[in-house]
Amino acid sequence: MTSINTTISSLIQKHPVVLFMKGTPDFPQCGFSFQVANILQKESIVFHSVNVLEDEAIRQGIKDFSDWPTIPQLYINGEFIGGCDITKELY
């Protein structure tokens, strides 16, 4: 397992809910990231966010890790849920 995969895996295992997003929940940098963070916040779900814009290795690494080409990406209890459209459908 590569170093970035180890880092990503560790984050997913450490936190029950992890959102890999562009920006932060308080200052999202894309509309899709805003929508997912907003859904989680509306439901009072405590989540750990990872700003992929701060680290190019994580930005590309999460896409490879999940085999999913877009961000945001939501993980719950270690399971990849999906991106914005899937989260909105589940909501």
N, C-alpha and C. Protein backbone atom coordinates (compact mmCIF):
# COMPACT_ATOMS: atom_id res chain seq x y z
N MET A 1 0.86 -1.18 0.00
CA MET A 1 0.00 0.00 0.00
C MET A 1 0.90 1.24 0.00
N THR A 2 0.59 2.19 -0.85
CA THR A 2 1.40 3.39 -0.92
C THR A 2 1.16 4.27 0.30
N SER A 3 2.06 5.20 0.49
CA SER A 3 1.98 6.10 1.63
C SER A 3 0.67 6.89 1.66
N ILE A 4 0.24 7.40 0.51
CA ILE A 4 -1.00 8.19 0.48
C ILE A 4 -2.21 7.30 0.75
N ASN A 5 -2.18 6.07 0.26
CA ASN A 5 -3.27 5.12 0.56
C ASN A 5 -3.33 4.82 2.05
N THR A 6 -2.17 4.71 2.66
CA THR A 6 -2.11 4.47 4.11
C THR A 6 -2.70 5.65 4.86
N THR A 7 -2.36 6.85 4.43
CA THR A 7 -2.89 8.06 5.06
C THR A 7 -4.41 8.13 4.93
N ILE A 8 -4.91 7.89 3.73
CA ILE A 8 -6.35 7.93 3.48
C ILE A 8 -7.06 6.85 4.28
N SER A 9 -6.54 5.65 4.25
CA SER A 9 -7.13 4.55 4.99
C SER A 9 -7.18 4.85 6.48
N SER A 10 -6.12 5.44 7.00
CA SER A 10 -6.06 5.81 8.41
C SER A 10 -7.14 6.83 8.77
N LEU A 11 -7.33 7.83 7.92
CA LEU A 11 -8.37 8.84 8.15
C LEU A 11 -9.76 8.20 8.17
N ILE A 12 -10.00 7.32 7.23
CA ILE A 12 -11.30 6.67 7.11
C ILE A 12 -11.57 5.76 8.31
N GLN A 13 -10.54 5.11 8.81
CA GLN A 13 -10.70 4.22 9.95
C GLN A 13 -10.83 5.00 11.26
N LYS A 14 -10.17 6.13 11.34
CA LYS A 14 -10.13 6.93 12.58
C LYS A 14 -11.44 7.66 12.84
N HIS A 15 -12.12 8.09 11.78
CA HIS A 15 -13.32 8.92 11.92
C HIS A 15 -14.54 8.18 11.36
N PRO A 16 -15.64 8.16 12.11
CA PRO A 16 -16.84 7.47 11.61
C PRO A 16 -17.39 8.06 10.31
N VAL A 17 -17.30 9.38 10.16
CA VAL A 17 -17.79 10.03 8.95
C VAL A 17 -16.69 10.96 8.44
N VAL A 18 -16.27 10.74 7.20
CA VAL A 18 -15.21 11.56 6.60
C VAL A 18 -15.70 12.08 5.25
N LEU A 19 -15.52 13.39 5.08
CA LEU A 19 -15.86 14.02 3.81
C LEU A 19 -14.60 14.61 3.20
N PHE A 20 -14.19 14.05 2.06
CA PHE A 20 -13.10 14.61 1.28
C PHE A 20 -13.74 15.65 0.38
N MET A 21 -13.35 16.90 0.55
CA MET A 21 -14.04 17.98 -0.14
C MET A 21 -13.07 19.06 -0.59
N LYS A 22 -13.56 19.94 -1.44
CA LYS A 22 -12.78 21.11 -1.86
C LYS A 22 -13.16 22.25 -0.93
N GLY A 23 -12.20 22.67 -0.12
CA GLY A 23 -12.46 23.69 0.88
C GLY A 23 -12.78 23.07 2.22
N THR A 24 -13.46 23.84 3.04
CA THR A 24 -13.84 23.40 4.38
C THR A 24 -15.35 23.55 4.54
N PRO A 25 -15.93 22.91 5.55
CA PRO A 25 -17.38 23.08 5.75
C PRO A 25 -17.78 24.55 5.93
N ASP A 26 -16.93 25.33 6.55
CA ASP A 26 -17.23 26.75 6.75
C ASP A 26 -16.94 27.59 5.52
N PHE A 27 -16.06 27.12 4.64
CA PHE A 27 -15.70 27.86 3.44
C PHE A 27 -15.48 26.90 2.28
N PRO A 28 -16.57 26.26 1.80
CA PRO A 28 -16.44 25.32 0.68
C PRO A 28 -15.98 26.04 -0.58
N GLN A 29 -15.19 25.34 -1.38
CA GLN A 29 -14.64 25.92 -2.61
C GLN A 29 -15.29 25.38 -3.87
N CYS A 30 -16.36 24.62 -3.72
CA CYS A 30 -17.15 24.21 -4.88
C CYS A 30 -18.57 23.92 -4.42
N GLY A 31 -19.49 24.07 -5.34
CA GLY A 31 -20.89 23.89 -5.01
C GLY A 31 -21.25 22.48 -4.57
N PHE A 32 -20.61 21.49 -5.16
CA PHE A 32 -20.90 20.10 -4.80
C PHE A 32 -20.44 19.79 -3.38
N SER A 33 -19.24 20.27 -3.04
CA SER A 33 -18.74 20.09 -1.67
C SER A 33 -19.66 20.81 -0.68
N PHE A 34 -20.10 22.01 -1.05
CA PHE A 34 -21.02 22.77 -0.20
C PHE A 34 -22.28 21.97 0.07
N GLN A 35 -22.86 21.37 -0.97
CA GLN A 35 -24.11 20.64 -0.82
C GLN A 35 -23.99 19.46 0.13
N VAL A 36 -22.91 18.69 0.00
CA VAL A 36 -22.74 17.51 0.87
C VAL A 36 -22.49 17.96 2.31
N ALA A 37 -21.60 18.93 2.50
CA ALA A 37 -21.33 19.43 3.86
C ALA A 37 -22.61 19.99 4.47
N ASN A 38 -23.39 20.68 3.68
CA ASN A 38 -24.64 21.28 4.16
C ASN A 38 -25.63 20.21 4.61
N ILE A 39 -25.74 19.14 3.85
CA ILE A 39 -26.63 18.03 4.24
C ILE A 39 -26.20 17.45 5.57
N LEU A 40 -24.91 17.19 5.71
CA LEU A 40 -24.41 16.62 6.96
C LEU A 40 -24.67 17.57 8.12
N GLN A 41 -24.43 18.86 7.91
CA GLN A 41 -24.65 19.84 8.97
C GLN A 41 -26.13 19.97 9.32
N LYS A 42 -27.01 19.96 8.32
CA LYS A 42 -28.46 20.03 8.58
C LYS A 42 -28.93 18.88 9.44
N GLU A 43 -28.32 17.72 9.24
CA GLU A 43 -28.70 16.52 10.00
C GLU A 43 -27.90 16.39 11.31
N SER A 44 -27.12 17.41 11.63
CA SER A 44 -26.30 17.43 12.86
C SER A 44 -25.35 16.24 12.95
N ILE A 45 -24.84 15.83 11.80
CA ILE A 45 -23.89 14.72 11.75
C ILE A 45 -22.49 15.28 11.96
N VAL A 46 -21.82 14.75 12.95
CA VAL A 46 -20.43 15.15 13.21
C VAL A 46 -19.56 14.45 12.18
N PHE A 47 -18.74 15.22 11.46
CA PHE A 47 -17.90 14.62 10.44
C PHE A 47 -16.54 15.28 10.41
N HIS A 48 -15.58 14.52 9.93
CA HIS A 48 -14.23 15.02 9.73
C HIS A 48 -14.10 15.38 8.26
N SER A 49 -13.65 16.60 8.00
CA SER A 49 -13.48 17.01 6.60
C SER A 49 -12.00 17.06 6.26
N VAL A 50 -11.71 16.74 5.01
CA VAL A 50 -10.35 16.81 4.48
C VAL A 50 -10.40 17.71 3.26
N ASN A 51 -9.68 18.82 3.33
CA ASN A 51 -9.63 19.77 2.22
C ASN A 51 -8.60 19.27 1.21
N VAL A 52 -9.07 18.71 0.12
CA VAL A 52 -8.17 18.13 -0.87
C VAL A 52 -7.37 19.19 -1.63
N LEU A 53 -7.79 20.45 -1.54
CA LEU A 53 -7.06 21.52 -2.21
C LEU A 53 -5.75 21.85 -1.51
N GLU A 54 -5.61 21.40 -0.27
CA GLU A 54 -4.38 21.65 0.49
C GLU A 54 -3.27 20.65 0.18
N ASP A 55 -3.62 19.53 -0.46
CA ASP A 55 -2.63 18.48 -0.69
C ASP A 55 -2.95 17.75 -2.00
N GLU A 56 -2.15 18.01 -3.02
CA GLU A 56 -2.38 17.40 -4.33
C GLU A 56 -2.32 15.88 -4.26
N ALA A 57 -1.46 15.34 -3.39
CA ALA A 57 -1.35 13.89 -3.26
C ALA A 57 -2.67 13.29 -2.77
N ILE A 58 -3.31 13.94 -1.82
CA ILE A 58 -4.60 13.45 -1.33
C ILE A 58 -5.68 13.69 -2.39
N ARG A 59 -5.61 14.83 -3.06
CA ARG A 59 -6.62 15.14 -4.09
C ARG A 59 -6.66 14.06 -5.16
N GLN A 60 -5.51 13.64 -5.65
CA GLN A 60 -5.47 12.57 -6.64
C GLN A 60 -5.59 11.20 -5.98
N GLY A 61 -4.98 11.08 -4.82
CA GLY A 61 -4.96 9.79 -4.13
C GLY A 61 -6.34 9.28 -3.78
N ILE A 62 -7.24 10.17 -3.35
CA ILE A 62 -8.59 9.72 -2.97
C ILE A 62 -9.36 9.22 -4.19
N LYS A 63 -9.10 9.82 -5.34
CA LYS A 63 -9.76 9.36 -6.57
C LYS A 63 -9.29 7.95 -6.92
N ASP A 64 -8.00 7.69 -6.77
CA ASP A 64 -7.46 6.36 -7.05
C ASP A 64 -7.92 5.36 -6.00
N PHE A 65 -7.93 5.80 -4.74
CA PHE A 65 -8.30 4.94 -3.61
C PHE A 65 -9.72 4.39 -3.78
N SER A 66 -10.63 5.26 -4.17
CA SER A 66 -12.04 4.86 -4.28
C SER A 66 -12.43 4.42 -5.68
N ASP A 67 -11.54 4.67 -6.63
CA ASP A 67 -11.85 4.44 -8.04
C ASP A 67 -13.09 5.26 -8.44
N TRP A 68 -13.12 6.49 -7.95
CA TRP A 68 -14.21 7.43 -8.21
C TRP A 68 -13.58 8.73 -8.68
N PRO A 69 -13.99 9.28 -9.81
CA PRO A 69 -13.24 10.38 -10.43
C PRO A 69 -13.49 11.78 -9.88
N THR A 70 -14.48 11.94 -9.02
CA THR A 70 -14.84 13.29 -8.61
C THR A 70 -14.78 13.48 -7.10
N ILE A 71 -14.79 14.74 -6.71
CA ILE A 71 -14.82 15.15 -5.32
C ILE A 71 -16.01 16.09 -5.19
N PRO A 72 -16.78 15.99 -4.14
CA PRO A 72 -16.51 15.38 -2.84
C PRO A 72 -16.73 13.87 -2.83
N GLN A 73 -16.17 13.27 -1.78
CA GLN A 73 -16.36 11.85 -1.54
C GLN A 73 -16.67 11.66 -0.06
N LEU A 74 -17.73 10.92 0.21
CA LEU A 74 -18.20 10.70 1.57
C LEU A 74 -17.99 9.24 1.98
N TYR A 75 -17.42 9.07 3.17
CA TYR A 75 -17.22 7.74 3.76
C TYR A 75 -17.94 7.70 5.11
N ILE A 76 -18.68 6.63 5.33
CA ILE A 76 -19.35 6.42 6.61
C ILE A 76 -18.99 5.04 7.12
N ASN A 77 -18.46 5.00 8.34
CA ASN A 77 -18.03 3.75 8.97
C ASN A 77 -17.14 2.93 8.04
N GLY A 78 -16.21 3.62 7.39
CA GLY A 78 -15.23 2.97 6.54
C GLY A 78 -15.72 2.61 5.15
N GLU A 79 -16.99 2.87 4.87
CA GLU A 79 -17.56 2.50 3.57
C GLU A 79 -17.72 3.74 2.69
N PHE A 80 -17.29 3.61 1.44
CA PHE A 80 -17.45 4.69 0.49
C PHE A 80 -18.93 4.79 0.12
N ILE A 81 -19.51 5.96 0.35
CA ILE A 81 -20.93 6.19 0.05
C ILE A 81 -21.10 6.73 -1.36
N GLY A 82 -20.29 7.74 -1.71
CA GLY A 82 -20.37 8.33 -3.04
C GLY A 82 -20.10 9.81 -2.98
N GLY A 83 -20.54 10.49 -4.02
CA GLY A 83 -20.33 11.92 -4.13
C GLY A 83 -21.61 12.70 -3.87
N CYS A 84 -21.71 13.85 -4.48
CA CYS A 84 -22.81 14.75 -4.24
C CYS A 84 -24.16 14.17 -4.65
N ASP A 85 -24.27 13.66 -5.87
CA ASP A 85 -25.56 13.16 -6.35
C ASP A 85 -26.08 12.02 -5.49
N ILE A 86 -25.22 11.09 -5.15
CA ILE A 86 -25.63 9.94 -4.34
C ILE A 86 -26.03 10.41 -2.94
N THR A 87 -25.26 11.32 -2.37
CA THR A 87 -25.59 11.83 -1.03
C THR A 87 -26.94 12.54 -1.06
N LYS A 88 -27.19 13.33 -2.10
CA LYS A 88 -28.47 14.03 -2.21
C LYS A 88 -29.61 13.03 -2.36
N GLU A 89 -29.41 11.97 -3.12
CA GLU A 89 -30.45 10.95 -3.28
C GLU A 89 -30.74 10.26 -1.95
N LEU A 90 -29.71 9.95 -1.20
CA LEU A 90 -29.90 9.30 0.09
C LEU A 90 -30.60 10.24 1.08
N TYR A 91 -30.31 11.52 0.97
CA TYR A 91 -30.91 12.51 1.85
C TYR A 91 -32.40 12.64 1.56
